[in-house]
Amino acid sequence: MTVSPDDPRSAYAQVADDLRRKIAAGGLKAGQRLDGNAKLAERYGVAAMTVRHALDILRDEGLIVSQQGRGTFVASDPPNVETSERDRQLGDELSEIKAALDLINSRLDRLEGQVRERP
């Protein structure tokens, strides 16, 4: 799979999503060593920095682990990918709700101030 310039997702997101799918489908098994960054960059047709960014995302999600001098491996007990994605989406929704509530509270404070200022 090479990164598509027509895809609205960033190149690193496309790489991360592809590797995430392979882990979820069992194409990459727990404990399996991933190819090096240079080889992954060549396979996906991207720069090594793009691969590093994608791997950072997967590492943050607990799907992969890196060992100094040994490489990067699929986590022994990776979290359920669908659950991780759902948790991320819920977090995004909660952030949106919090922003909306902050705006409502701001407007409410302003209106209460205007009411108090009236004779």
PDB file of N, CA and C in Angstrom:
ATOM      1  N   MET A   1       0.848  -1.177   0.000  1.00  0.00           N
ATOM      2  CA  MET A   1       0.000   0.000   0.000  1.00  0.00           C
ATOM      3  C   MET A   1       0.889   1.233   0.000  1.00  0.00           C
ATOM      4  N   THR A   2       0.644   2.124  -0.909  1.00  0.00           N
ATOM      5  CA  THR A   2       1.357   3.397  -0.902  1.00  0.00           C
ATOM      6  C   THR A   2       0.367   4.486  -0.497  1.00  0.00           C
ATOM      7  N   VAL A   3       0.908   5.549   0.036  1.00  0.00           N
ATOM      8  CA  VAL A   3       0.093   6.667   0.480  1.00  0.00           C
ATOM      9  C   VAL A   3      -0.518   7.346  -0.738  1.00  0.00           C
ATOM     10  N   SER A   4      -1.795   7.684  -0.621  1.00  0.00           N
ATOM     11  CA  SER A   4      -2.497   8.319  -1.732  1.00  0.00           C
ATOM     12  C   SER A   4      -2.555   9.830  -1.533  1.00  0.00           C
ATOM     13  N   PRO A   5      -2.105  10.592  -2.527  1.00  0.00           N
ATOM     14  CA  PRO A   5      -2.197  12.054  -2.410  1.00  0.00           C
ATOM     15  C   PRO A   5      -3.645  12.541  -2.495  1.00  0.00           C
ATOM     16  N   ASP A   6      -4.539  11.693  -2.979  1.00  0.00           N
ATOM     17  CA  ASP A   6      -5.951  12.068  -3.093  1.00  0.00           C
ATOM     18  C   ASP A   6      -6.708  11.854  -1.783  1.00  0.00           C
ATOM     19  N   ASP A   7      -6.102  11.143  -0.842  1.00  0.00           N
ATOM     20  CA  ASP A   7      -6.735  10.869   0.445  1.00  0.00           C
ATOM     21  C   ASP A   7      -6.677  12.142   1.285  1.00  0.00           C
ATOM     22  N   PRO A   8      -7.800  12.554   1.893  1.00  0.00           N
ATOM     23  CA  PRO A   8      -7.782  13.779   2.700  1.00  0.00           C
ATOM     24  C   PRO A   8      -6.962  13.642   3.985  1.00  0.00           C
ATOM     25  N   ARG A   9      -6.695  12.405   4.404  1.00  0.00           N
ATOM     26  CA  ARG A   9      -5.888  12.200   5.610  1.00  0.00           C
ATOM     27  C   ARG A   9      -4.429  12.503   5.305  1.00  0.00           C
ATOM     28  N   SER A  10      -3.704  12.898   6.323  1.00  0.00           N
ATOM     29  CA  SER A  10      -2.272  13.140   6.154  1.00  0.00           C
ATOM     30  C   SER A  10      -1.572  11.822   5.839  1.00  0.00           C
ATOM     31  N   ALA A  11      -0.358  11.919   5.310  1.00  0.00           N
ATOM     32  CA  ALA A  11       0.405  10.715   4.958  1.00  0.00           C
ATOM     33  C   ALA A  11       0.663   9.869   6.193  1.00  0.00           C
ATOM     34  N   TYR A  12       1.049  10.504   7.306  1.00  0.00           N
ATOM     35  CA  TYR A  12       1.324   9.715   8.510  1.00  0.00           C
ATOM     36  C   TYR A  12       0.070   9.029   9.041  1.00  0.00           C
ATOM     37  N   ALA A  13      -1.096   9.679   8.899  1.00  0.00           N
ATOM     38  CA  ALA A  13      -2.349   9.064   9.343  1.00  0.00           C
ATOM     39  C   ALA A  13      -2.682   7.853   8.477  1.00  0.00           C
ATOM     40  N   GLN A  14      -2.426   7.947   7.174  1.00  0.00           N
ATOM     41  CA  GLN A  14      -2.674   6.812   6.286  1.00  0.00           C
ATOM     42  C   GLN A  14      -1.789   5.630   6.664  1.00  0.00           C
ATOM     43  N   VAL A  15      -0.517   5.900   6.952  1.00  0.00           N
ATOM     44  CA  VAL A  15       0.404   4.834   7.345  1.00  0.00           C
ATOM     45  C   VAL A  15      -0.044   4.224   8.673  1.00  0.00           C
ATOM     46  N   ALA A  16      -0.357   5.071   9.648  1.00  0.00           N
ATOM     47  CA  ALA A  16      -0.802   4.587  10.957  1.00  0.00           C
ATOM     48  C   ALA A  16      -2.079   3.758  10.820  1.00  0.00           C
ATOM     49  N   ASP A  17      -3.022   4.236  10.019  1.00  0.00           N
ATOM     50  CA  ASP A  17      -4.279   3.503   9.828  1.00  0.00           C
ATOM     51  C   ASP A  17      -4.042   2.142   9.179  1.00  0.00           C
ATOM     52  N   ASP A  18      -3.140   2.091   8.199  1.00  0.00           N
ATOM     53  CA  ASP A  18      -2.858   0.819   7.531  1.00  0.00           C
ATOM     54  C   ASP A  18      -2.219  -0.173   8.504  1.00  0.00           C
ATOM     55  N   LEU A  19      -1.248   0.284   9.271  1.00  0.00           N
ATOM     56  CA  LEU A  19      -0.612  -0.607  10.246  1.00  0.00           C
ATOM     57  C   LEU A  19      -1.601  -1.022  11.336  1.00  0.00           C
ATOM     58  N   ARG A  20      -2.454  -0.096  11.764  1.00  0.00           N
ATOM     59  CA  ARG A  20      -3.476  -0.402  12.765  1.00  0.00           C
ATOM     60  C   ARG A  20      -4.416  -1.493  12.256  1.00  0.00           C
ATOM     61  N   ARG A  21      -4.821  -1.375  10.987  1.00  0.00           N
ATOM     62  CA  ARG A  21      -5.701  -2.387  10.391  1.00  0.00           C
ATOM     63  C   ARG A  21      -5.010  -3.749  10.337  1.00  0.00           C
ATOM     64  N   LYS A  22      -3.730  -3.750   9.974  1.00  0.00           N
ATOM     65  CA  LYS A  22      -2.990  -5.012   9.897  1.00  0.00           C
ATOM     66  C   LYS A  22      -2.866  -5.661  11.265  1.00  0.00           C
ATOM     67  N   ILE A  23      -2.689  -4.865  12.297  1.00  0.00           N
ATOM     68  CA  ILE A  23      -2.622  -5.414  13.652  1.00  0.00           C
ATOM     69  C   ILE A  23      -3.984  -5.977  14.048  1.00  0.00           C
ATOM     70  N   ALA A  24      -5.051  -5.223  13.776  1.00  0.00           N
ATOM     71  CA  ALA A  24      -6.399  -5.658  14.134  1.00  0.00           C
ATOM     72  C   ALA A  24      -6.798  -6.935  13.393  1.00  0.00           C
ATOM     73  N   ALA A  25      -6.371  -7.050  12.126  1.00  0.00           N
ATOM     74  CA  ALA A  25      -6.742  -8.216  11.310  1.00  0.00           C
ATOM     75  C   ALA A  25      -5.846  -9.426  11.582  1.00  0.00           C
ATOM     76  N   GLY A  26      -4.789  -9.225  12.364  1.00  0.00           N
ATOM     77  CA  GLY A  26      -3.891 -10.333  12.658  1.00  0.00           C
ATOM     78  C   GLY A  26      -2.784 -10.513  11.640  1.00  0.00           C
ATOM     79  N   GLY A  27      -2.705  -9.603  10.670  1.00  0.00           N
ATOM     80  CA  GLY A  27      -1.616  -9.666   9.695  1.00  0.00           C
ATOM     81  C   GLY A  27      -0.273  -9.367  10.345  1.00  0.00           C
ATOM     82  N   LEU A  28      -0.319  -8.574  11.389  1.00  0.00           N
ATOM     83  CA  LEU A  28       0.850  -8.329  12.237  1.00  0.00           C
ATOM     84  C   LEU A  28       0.489  -8.865  13.616  1.00  0.00           C
ATOM     85  N   LYS A  29       1.206  -9.850  14.067  1.00  0.00           N
ATOM     86  CA  LYS A  29       0.878 -10.553  15.309  1.00  0.00           C
ATOM     87  C   LYS A  29       1.619  -9.959  16.504  1.00  0.00           C
ATOM     88  N   ALA A  30       1.060 -10.176  17.688  1.00  0.00           N
ATOM     89  CA  ALA A  30       1.688  -9.730  18.923  1.00  0.00           C
ATOM     90  C   ALA A  30       3.120 -10.248  19.000  1.00  0.00           C
ATOM     91  N   GLY A  31       4.037  -9.360  19.311  1.00  0.00           N
ATOM     92  CA  GLY A  31       5.439  -9.724  19.428  1.00  0.00           C
ATOM     93  C   GLY A  31       6.214  -9.672  18.121  1.00  0.00           C
ATOM     94  N   GLN A  32       5.518  -9.538  17.001  1.00  0.00           N
ATOM     95  CA  GLN A  32       6.190  -9.509  15.695  1.00  0.00           C
ATOM     96  C   GLN A  32       6.954  -8.208  15.527  1.00  0.00           C
ATOM     97  N   ARG A  33       8.159  -8.315  14.998  1.00  0.00           N
ATOM     98  CA  ARG A  33       9.005  -7.143  14.758  1.00  0.00           C
ATOM     99  C   ARG A  33       8.563  -6.474  13.462  1.00  0.00           C
ATOM    100  N   LEU A  34       8.411  -5.153  13.513  1.00  0.00           N
ATOM    101  CA  LEU A  34       8.081  -4.395  12.312  1.00  0.00           C
ATOM    102  C   LEU A  34       9.349  -4.147  11.516  1.00  0.00           C
ATOM    103  N   ASP A  35       9.193  -3.944  10.226  1.00  0.00           N
ATOM    104  CA  ASP A  35      10.333  -3.562   9.400  1.00  0.00           C
ATOM    105  C   ASP A  35      10.877  -2.232   9.907  1.00  0.00           C
ATOM    106  N   GLY A  36      12.121  -1.942   9.586  1.00  0.00           N
ATOM    107  CA  GLY A  36      12.733  -0.677   9.980  1.00  0.00           C
ATOM    108  C   GLY A  36      12.063   0.500   9.305  1.00  0.00           C
ATOM    109  N   ASN A  37      12.333   1.681   9.835  1.00  0.00           N
ATOM    110  CA  ASN A  37      11.710   2.897   9.304  1.00  0.00           C
ATOM    111  C   ASN A  37      12.017   3.110   7.823  1.00  0.00           C
ATOM    112  N   ALA A  38      13.257   2.853   7.421  1.00  0.00           N
ATOM    113  CA  ALA A  38      13.634   3.075   6.021  1.00  0.00           C
ATOM    114  C   ALA A  38      12.847   2.141   5.100  1.00  0.00           C
ATOM    115  N   LYS A  39      12.701   0.894   5.514  1.00  0.00           N
ATOM    116  CA  LYS A  39      11.969  -0.066   4.684  1.00  0.00           C
ATOM    117  C   LYS A  39      10.475   0.277   4.636  1.00  0.00           C
ATOM    118  N   LEU A  40       9.920   0.674   5.785  1.00  0.00           N
ATOM    119  CA  LEU A  40       8.507   1.084   5.807  1.00  0.00           C
ATOM    120  C   LEU A  40       8.308   2.333   4.955  1.00  0.00           C
ATOM    121  N   ALA A  41       9.240   3.269   5.040  1.00  0.00           N
ATOM    122  CA  ALA A  41       9.135   4.495   4.235  1.00  0.00           C
ATOM    123  C   ALA A  41       9.140   4.155   2.753  1.00  0.00           C
ATOM    124  N   GLU A  42       9.995   3.234   2.368  1.00  0.00           N
ATOM    125  CA  GLU A  42      10.055   2.816   0.963  1.00  0.00           C
ATOM    126  C   GLU A  42       8.746   2.130   0.550  1.00  0.00           C
ATOM    127  N   ARG A  43       8.252   1.255   1.406  1.00  0.00           N
ATOM    128  CA  ARG A  43       7.020   0.525   1.099  1.00  0.00           C
ATOM    129  C   ARG A  43       5.830   1.465   0.916  1.00  0.00           C
ATOM    130  N   TYR A  44       5.733   2.482   1.786  1.00  0.00           N
ATOM    131  CA  TYR A  44       4.594   3.402   1.728  1.00  0.00           C
ATOM    132  C   TYR A  44       4.838   4.591   0.799  1.00  0.00           C
ATOM    133  N   GLY A  45       6.060   4.745   0.339  1.00  0.00           N
ATOM    134  CA  GLY A  45       6.378   5.859  -0.549  1.00  0.00           C
ATOM    135  C   GLY A  45       6.390   7.198   0.153  1.00  0.00           C
ATOM    136  N   VAL A  46       6.885   7.198   1.384  1.00  0.00           N
ATOM    137  CA  VAL A  46       6.927   8.424   2.185  1.00  0.00           C
ATOM    138  C   VAL A  46       8.316   8.599   2.773  1.00  0.00           C
ATOM    139  N   ALA A  47       8.530   9.721   3.438  1.00  0.00           N
ATOM    140  CA  ALA A  47       9.799   9.985   4.113  1.00  0.00           C
ATOM    141  C   ALA A  47       9.856   9.218   5.437  1.00  0.00           C
ATOM    142  N   ALA A  48      11.062   8.955   5.900  1.00  0.00           N
ATOM    143  CA  ALA A  48      11.244   8.239   7.167  1.00  0.00           C
ATOM    144  C   ALA A  48      10.594   9.002   8.322  1.00  0.00           C
ATOM    145  N   MET A  49      10.621  10.336   8.271  1.00  0.00           N
ATOM    146  CA  MET A  49       9.993  11.145   9.325  1.00  0.00           C
ATOM    147  C   MET A  49       8.484  10.886   9.384  1.00  0.00           C
ATOM    148  N   THR A  50       7.868  10.672   8.247  1.00  0.00           N
ATOM    149  CA  THR A  50       6.436  10.371   8.188  1.00  0.00           C
ATOM    150  C   THR A  50       6.161   9.043   8.883  1.00  0.00           C
ATOM    151  N   VAL A  51       7.012   8.054   8.630  1.00  0.00           N
ATOM    152  CA  VAL A  51       6.866   6.749   9.285  1.00  0.00           C
ATOM    153  C   VAL A  51       7.050   6.910  10.790  1.00  0.00           C
ATOM    154  N   ARG A  52       8.042   7.684  11.214  1.00  0.00           N
ATOM    155  CA  ARG A  52       8.270   7.888  12.645  1.00  0.00           C
ATOM    156  C   ARG A  52       7.036   8.498  13.308  1.00  0.00           C
ATOM    157  N   HIS A  53       6.428   9.463  12.632  1.00  0.00           N
ATOM    158  CA  HIS A  53       5.225  10.096  13.181  1.00  0.00           C
ATOM    159  C   HIS A  53       4.091   9.065  13.309  1.00  0.00           C
ATOM    160  N   ALA A  54       3.900   8.245  12.293  1.00  0.00           N
ATOM    161  CA  ALA A  54       2.860   7.201  12.335  1.00  0.00           C
ATOM    162  C   ALA A  54       3.133   6.225  13.473  1.00  0.00           C
ATOM    163  N   LEU A  55       4.385   5.829  13.634  1.00  0.00           N
ATOM    164  CA  LEU A  55       4.735   4.885  14.702  1.00  0.00           C
ATOM    165  C   LEU A  55       4.559   5.517  16.079  1.00  0.00           C
ATOM    166  N   ASP A  56       4.825   6.820  16.196  1.00  0.00           N
ATOM    167  CA  ASP A  56       4.596   7.509  17.468  1.00  0.00           C
ATOM    168  C   ASP A  56       3.125   7.423  17.867  1.00  0.00           C
ATOM    169  N   ILE A  57       2.247   7.573  16.889  1.00  0.00           N
ATOM    170  CA  ILE A  57       0.810   7.489  17.157  1.00  0.00           C
ATOM    171  C   ILE A  57       0.448   6.093  17.656  1.00  0.00           C
ATOM    172  N   LEU A  58       0.930   5.080  16.957  1.00  0.00           N
ATOM    173  CA  LEU A  58       0.619   3.697  17.347  1.00  0.00           C
ATOM    174  C   LEU A  58       1.231   3.366  18.710  1.00  0.00           C
ATOM    175  N   ARG A  59       2.402   3.918  18.993  1.00  0.00           N
ATOM    176  CA  ARG A  59       3.040   3.701  20.294  1.00  0.00           C
ATOM    177  C   ARG A  59       2.186   4.339  21.383  1.00  0.00           C
ATOM    178  N   ASP A  60       1.701   5.559  21.146  1.00  0.00           N
ATOM    179  CA  ASP A  60       0.841   6.247  22.114  1.00  0.00           C
ATOM    180  C   ASP A  60      -0.457   5.474  22.356  1.00  0.00           C
ATOM    181  N   GLU A  61      -0.928   4.778  21.337  1.00  0.00           N
ATOM    182  CA  GLU A  61      -2.156   3.990  21.466  1.00  0.00           C
ATOM    183  C   GLU A  61      -1.896   2.640  22.127  1.00  0.00           C
ATOM    184  N   GLY A  62      -0.628   2.316  22.364  1.00  0.00           N
ATOM    185  CA  GLY A  62      -0.292   1.044  23.002  1.00  0.00           C
ATOM    186  C   GLY A  62      -0.278  -0.138  22.054  1.00  0.00           C
ATOM    187  N   LEU A  63      -0.298   0.125  20.745  1.00  0.00           N
ATOM    188  CA  LEU A  63      -0.329  -0.965  19.770  1.00  0.00           C
ATOM    189  C   LEU A  63       1.059  -1.519  19.464  1.00  0.00           C
ATOM    190  N   ILE A  64       2.081  -0.684  19.622  1.00  0.00           N
ATOM    191  CA  ILE A  64       3.453  -1.124  19.357  1.00  0.00           C
ATOM    192  C   ILE A  64       4.352  -0.673  20.499  1.00  0.00           C
ATOM    193  N   VAL A  65       5.494  -1.341  20.606  1.00  0.00           N
ATOM    194  CA  VAL A  65       6.513  -0.957  21.587  1.00  0.00           C
ATOM    195  C   VAL A  65       7.857  -0.938  20.873  1.00  0.00           C
ATOM    196  N   SER A  66       8.728  -0.045  21.317  1.00  0.00           N
ATOM    197  CA  SER A  66      10.070   0.032  20.743  1.00  0.00           C
ATOM    198  C   SER A  66      11.074  -0.366  21.805  1.00  0.00           C
ATOM    199  N   GLN A  67      12.094  -1.081  21.381  1.00  0.00           N
ATOM    200  CA  GLN A  67      13.166  -1.487  22.283  1.00  0.00           C
ATOM    201  C   GLN A  67      14.474  -0.994  21.694  1.00  0.00           C
ATOM    202  N   GLN A  68      15.191  -0.187  22.466  1.00  0.00           N
ATOM    203  CA  GLN A  68      16.447   0.407  22.008  1.00  0.00           C
ATOM    204  C   GLN A  68      17.386  -0.674  21.477  1.00  0.00           C
ATOM    205  N   GLY A  69      17.830  -0.499  20.261  1.00  0.00           N
ATOM    206  CA  GLY A  69      18.781  -1.424  19.662  1.00  0.00           C
ATOM    207  C   GLY A  69      18.177  -2.699  19.106  1.00  0.00           C
ATOM    208  N   ARG A  70      16.894  -2.934  19.358  1.00  0.00           N
ATOM    209  CA  ARG A  70      16.247  -4.159  18.871  1.00  0.00           C
ATOM    210  C   ARG A  70      15.221  -3.888  17.788  1.00  0.00           C
ATOM    211  N   GLY A  71      14.490  -2.794  17.902  1.00  0.00           N
ATOM    212  CA  GLY A  71      13.488  -2.476  16.899  1.00  0.00           C
ATOM    213  C   GLY A  71      12.132  -2.167  17.499  1.00  0.00           C
ATOM    214  N   THR A  72      11.137  -2.195  16.638  1.00  0.00           N
ATOM    215  CA  THR A  72       9.758  -1.904  17.026  1.00  0.00           C
ATOM    216  C   THR A  72       8.928  -3.160  16.823  1.00  0.00           C
ATOM    217  N   PHE A  73       8.086  -3.460  17.813  1.00  0.00           N
ATOM    218  CA  PHE A  73       7.325  -4.699  17.821  1.00  0.00           C
ATOM    219  C   PHE A  73       5.851  -4.414  18.078  1.00  0.00           C
ATOM    220  N   VAL A  74       4.999  -5.307  17.575  1.00  0.00           N
ATOM    221  CA  VAL A  74       3.589  -5.247  17.923  1.00  0.00           C
ATOM    222  C   VAL A  74       3.503  -5.581  19.406  1.00  0.00           C
ATOM    223  N   ALA A  75       2.734  -4.821  20.143  1.00  0.00           N
ATOM    224  CA  ALA A  75       2.630  -5.020  21.592  1.00  0.00           C
ATOM    225  C   ALA A  75       2.160  -6.439  21.893  1.00  0.00           C
ATOM    226  N   SER A  76       2.676  -6.995  22.990  1.00  0.00           N
ATOM    227  CA  SER A  76       2.305  -8.355  23.383  1.00  0.00           C
ATOM    228  C   SER A  76       0.825  -8.472  23.674  1.00  0.00           C
ATOM    229  N   ASP A  77       0.275  -7.428  24.262  1.00  0.00           N
ATOM    230  CA  ASP A  77      -1.145  -7.420  24.593  1.00  0.00           C
ATOM    231  C   ASP A  77      -1.740  -6.111  24.102  1.00  0.00           C
ATOM    232  N   PRO A  78      -1.826  -5.954  22.748  1.00  0.00           N
ATOM    233  CA  PRO A  78      -2.322  -4.675  22.233  1.00  0.00           C
ATOM    234  C   PRO A  78      -3.776  -4.456  22.624  1.00  0.00           C
ATOM    235  N   PRO A  79      -4.139  -3.207  22.906  1.00  0.00           N
ATOM    236  CA  PRO A  79      -5.544  -2.925  23.207  1.00  0.00           C
ATOM    237  C   PRO A  79      -6.397  -3.200  21.981  1.00  0.00           C
ATOM    238  N   ASN A  80      -7.652  -3.429  22.208  1.00  0.00           N
ATOM    239  CA  ASN A  80      -8.588  -3.645  21.112  1.00  0.00           C
ATOM    240  C   ASN A  80      -8.610  -2.388  20.256  1.00  0.00           C
ATOM    241  N   VAL A  81      -8.255  -2.512  18.995  1.00  0.00           N
ATOM    242  CA  VAL A  81      -8.153  -1.347  18.102  1.00  0.00           C
ATOM    243  C   VAL A  81      -9.493  -0.639  17.992  1.00  0.00           C
ATOM    244  N   GLU A  82     -10.567  -1.393  17.881  1.00  0.00           N
ATOM    245  CA  GLU A  82     -11.882  -0.767  17.753  1.00  0.00           C
ATOM    246  C   GLU A  82     -12.215   0.021  19.007  1.00  0.00           C
ATOM    247  N   THR A  83     -11.852  -0.519  20.184  1.00  0.00           N
ATOM    248  CA  THR A  83     -12.098   0.181  21.434  1.00  0.00           C
ATOM    249  C   THR A  83     -11.259   1.447  21.496  1.00  0.00           C
ATOM    250  N   SER A  84      -9.996   1.377  21.095  1.00  0.00           N
ATOM    251  CA  SER A  84      -9.125   2.547  21.114  1.00  0.00           C
ATOM    252  C   SER A  84      -9.680   3.645  20.214  1.00  0.00           C
ATOM    253  N   GLU A  85     -10.122   3.284  19.032  1.00  0.00           N
ATOM    254  CA  GLU A  85     -10.675   4.260  18.093  1.00  0.00           C
ATOM    255  C   GLU A  85     -11.955   4.862  18.670  1.00  0.00           C
ATOM    256  N   ARG A  86     -12.803   4.019  19.262  1.00  0.00           N
ATOM    257  CA  ARG A  86     -14.048   4.503  19.855  1.00  0.00           C
ATOM    258  C   ARG A  86     -13.740   5.449  21.012  1.00  0.00           C
ATOM    259  N   ASP A  87     -12.738   5.096  21.837  1.00  0.00           N
ATOM    260  CA  ASP A  87     -12.349   5.957  22.949  1.00  0.00           C
ATOM    261  C   ASP A  87     -11.859   7.309  22.439  1.00  0.00           C
ATOM    262  N   ARG A  88     -11.081   7.303  21.357  1.00  0.00           N
ATOM    263  CA  ARG A  88     -10.585   8.555  20.788  1.00  0.00           C
ATOM    264  C   ARG A  88     -11.750   9.406  20.299  1.00  0.00           C
ATOM    265  N   GLN A  89     -12.711   8.761  19.623  1.00  0.00           N
ATOM    266  CA  GLN A  89     -13.867   9.498  19.116  1.00  0.00           C
ATOM    267  C   GLN A  89     -14.691  10.079  20.267  1.00  0.00           C
ATOM    268  N   LEU A  90     -14.862   9.295  21.335  1.00  0.00           N
ATOM    269  CA  LEU A  90     -15.602   9.791  22.496  1.00  0.00           C
ATOM    270  C   LEU A  90     -14.877  10.968  23.132  1.00  0.00           C
ATOM    271  N   GLY A  91     -13.560  10.887  23.202  1.00  0.00           N
ATOM    272  CA  GLY A  91     -12.770  11.996  23.738  1.00  0.00           C
ATOM    273  C   GLY A  91     -12.946  13.257  22.908  1.00  0.00           C
ATOM    274  N   ASP A  92     -12.960  13.081  21.575  1.00  0.00           N
ATOM    275  CA  ASP A  92     -13.167  14.223  20.684  1.00  0.00           C
ATOM    276  C   ASP A  92     -14.547  14.835  20.905  1.00  0.00           C
ATOM    277  N   GLU A  93     -15.561  13.969  21.029  1.00  0.00           N
ATOM    278  CA  GLU A  93     -16.925  14.462  21.250  1.00  0.00           C
ATOM    279  C   GLU A  93     -17.028  15.194  22.580  1.00  0.00           C
ATOM    280  N   LEU A  94     -16.393  14.639  23.621  1.00  0.00           N
ATOM    281  CA  LEU A  94     -16.426  15.297  24.926  1.00  0.00           C
ATOM    282  C   LEU A  94     -15.739  16.660  24.872  1.00  0.00           C
ATOM    283  N   SER A  95     -14.662  16.761  24.125  1.00  0.00           N
ATOM    284  CA  SER A  95     -13.987  18.049  23.975  1.00  0.00           C
ATOM    285  C   SER A  95     -14.895  19.061  23.301  1.00  0.00           C
ATOM    286  N   GLU A  96     -15.628  18.622  22.282  1.00  0.00           N
ATOM    287  CA  GLU A  96     -16.558  19.517  21.586  1.00  0.00           C
ATOM    288  C   GLU A  96     -17.675  19.968  22.523  1.00  0.00           C
ATOM    289  N   ILE A  97     -18.189  19.045  23.315  1.00  0.00           N
ATOM    290  CA  ILE A  97     -19.260  19.380  24.260  1.00  0.00           C
ATOM    291  C   ILE A  97     -18.750  20.367  25.301  1.00  0.00           C
ATOM    292  N   LYS A  98     -17.538  20.135  25.812  1.00  0.00           N
ATOM    293  CA  LYS A  98     -16.962  21.047  26.800  1.00  0.00           C
ATOM    294  C   LYS A  98     -16.807  22.447  26.212  1.00  0.00           C
ATOM    295  N   ALA A  99     -16.337  22.537  24.976  1.00  0.00           N
ATOM    296  CA  ALA A  99     -16.181  23.841  24.333  1.00  0.00           C
ATOM    297  C   ALA A  99     -17.539  24.532  24.194  1.00  0.00           C
ATOM    298  N   ALA A 100     -18.561  23.769  23.828  1.00  0.00           N
ATOM    299  CA  ALA A 100     -19.907  24.342  23.692  1.00  0.00           C
ATOM    300  C   ALA A 100     -20.424  24.816  25.050  1.00  0.00           C
ATOM    301  N   LEU A 101     -20.194  24.030  26.095  1.00  0.00           N
ATOM    302  CA  LEU A 101     -20.633  24.430  27.438  1.00  0.00           C
ATOM    303  C   LEU A 101     -19.899  25.671  27.915  1.00  0.00           C
ATOM    304  N   ASP A 102     -18.611  25.761  27.623  1.00  0.00           N
ATOM    305  CA  ASP A 102     -17.844  26.950  27.990  1.00  0.00           C
ATOM    306  C   ASP A 102     -18.428  28.190  27.313  1.00  0.00           C
ATOM    307  N   LEU A 103     -18.806  28.051  26.043  1.00  0.00           N
ATOM    308  CA  LEU A 103     -19.400  29.168  25.316  1.00  0.00           C
ATOM    309  C   LEU A 103     -20.752  29.545  25.930  1.00  0.00           C
ATOM    310  N   ILE A 104     -21.558  28.557  26.254  1.00  0.00           N
ATOM    311  CA  ILE A 104     -22.867  28.817  26.870  1.00  0.00           C
ATOM    312  C   ILE A 104     -22.680  29.516  28.214  1.00  0.00           C
ATOM    313  N   ASN A 105     -21.743  29.029  29.027  1.00  0.00           N
ATOM    314  CA  ASN A 105     -21.492  29.657  30.330  1.00  0.00           C
ATOM    315  C   ASN A 105     -21.024  31.093  30.163  1.00  0.00           C
ATOM    316  N   SER A 106     -20.197  31.336  29.174  1.00  0.00           N
ATOM    317  CA  SER A 106     -19.723  32.690  28.908  1.00  0.00           C
ATOM    318  C   SER A 106     -20.890  33.604  28.543  1.00  0.00           C
ATOM    319  N   ARG A 107     -21.754  33.125  27.691  1.00  0.00           N
ATOM    320  CA  ARG A 107     -22.922  33.925  27.294  1.00  0.00           C
ATOM    321  C   ARG A 107     -23.859  34.158  28.475  1.00  0.00           C
ATOM    322  N   LEU A 108     -24.045  33.120  29.291  1.00  0.00           N
ATOM    323  CA  LEU A 108     -24.908  33.235  30.462  1.00  0.00           C
ATOM    324  C   LEU A 108     -24.345  34.270  31.434  1.00  0.00           C
ATOM    325  N   ASP A 109     -23.041  34.244  31.670  1.00  0.00           N
ATOM    326  CA  ASP A 109     -22.410  35.231  32.552  1.00  0.00           C
ATOM    327  C   ASP A 109     -22.623  36.645  32.024  1.00  0.00           C
ATOM    328  N   ARG A 110     -22.473  36.815  30.711  1.00  0.00           N
ATOM    329  CA  ARG A 110     -22.649  38.125  30.101  1.00  0.00           C
ATOM    330  C   ARG A 110     -24.098  38.601  30.267  1.00  0.00           C
ATOM    331  N   LEU A 111     -25.063  37.724  30.034  1.00  0.00           N
ATOM    332  CA  LEU A 111     -26.476  38.088  30.171  1.00  0.00           C
ATOM    333  C   LEU A 111     -26.823  38.419  31.616  1.00  0.00           C
ATOM    334  N   GLU A 112     -26.308  37.633  32.554  1.00  0.00           N
ATOM    335  CA  GLU A 112     -26.572  37.912  33.972  1.00  0.00           C
ATOM    336  C   GLU A 112     -26.003  39.271  34.358  1.00  0.00           C
ATOM    337  N   GLY A 113     -24.822  39.592  33.832  1.00  0.00           N
ATOM    338  CA  GLY A 113     -24.221  40.899  34.101  1.00  0.00           C
ATOM    339  C   GLY A 113     -25.085  42.025  33.560  1.00  0.00           C
ATOM    340  N   GLN A 114     -25.658  41.837  32.371  1.00  0.00           N
ATOM    341  CA  GLN A 114     -26.507  42.872  31.778  1.00  0.00           C
ATOM    342  C   GLN A 114     -27.776  43.059  32.597  1.00  0.00           C
ATOM    343  N   VAL A 115     -28.334  41.969  33.122  1.00  0.00           N
ATOM    344  CA  VAL A 115     -29.551  42.055  33.915  1.00  0.00           C
ATOM    345  C   VAL A 115     -29.261  42.804  35.227  1.00  0.00           C
ATOM    346  N   ARG A 116     -28.135  42.539  35.855  1.00  0.00           N
ATOM    347  CA  ARG A 116     -27.767  43.190  37.108  1.00  0.00           C
ATOM    348  C   ARG A 116     -27.528  44.700  36.922  1.00  0.00           C
ATOM    349  N   GLU A 117     -27.090  45.087  35.733  1.00  0.00           N
ATOM    350  CA  GLU A 117     -26.787  46.501  35.458  1.00  0.00           C
ATOM    351  C   GLU A 117     -28.033  47.329  35.220  1.00  0.00           C
ATOM    352  N   ARG A 118     -29.148  46.686  34.956  1.00  0.00           N
ATOM    353  CA  ARG A 118     -30.394  47.431  34.703  1.00  0.00           C
ATOM    354  C   ARG A 118     -30.926  48.021  35.997  1.00  0.00           C
ATOM    355  N   PRO A 119     -31.516  49.239  35.897  1.00  0.00           N
ATOM    356  CA  PRO A 119     -32.070  49.886  37.115  1.00  0.00           C
ATOM    357  C   PRO A 119     -33.348  49.241  37.589  1.00  0.00           C
TER     358      PRO A 119
END
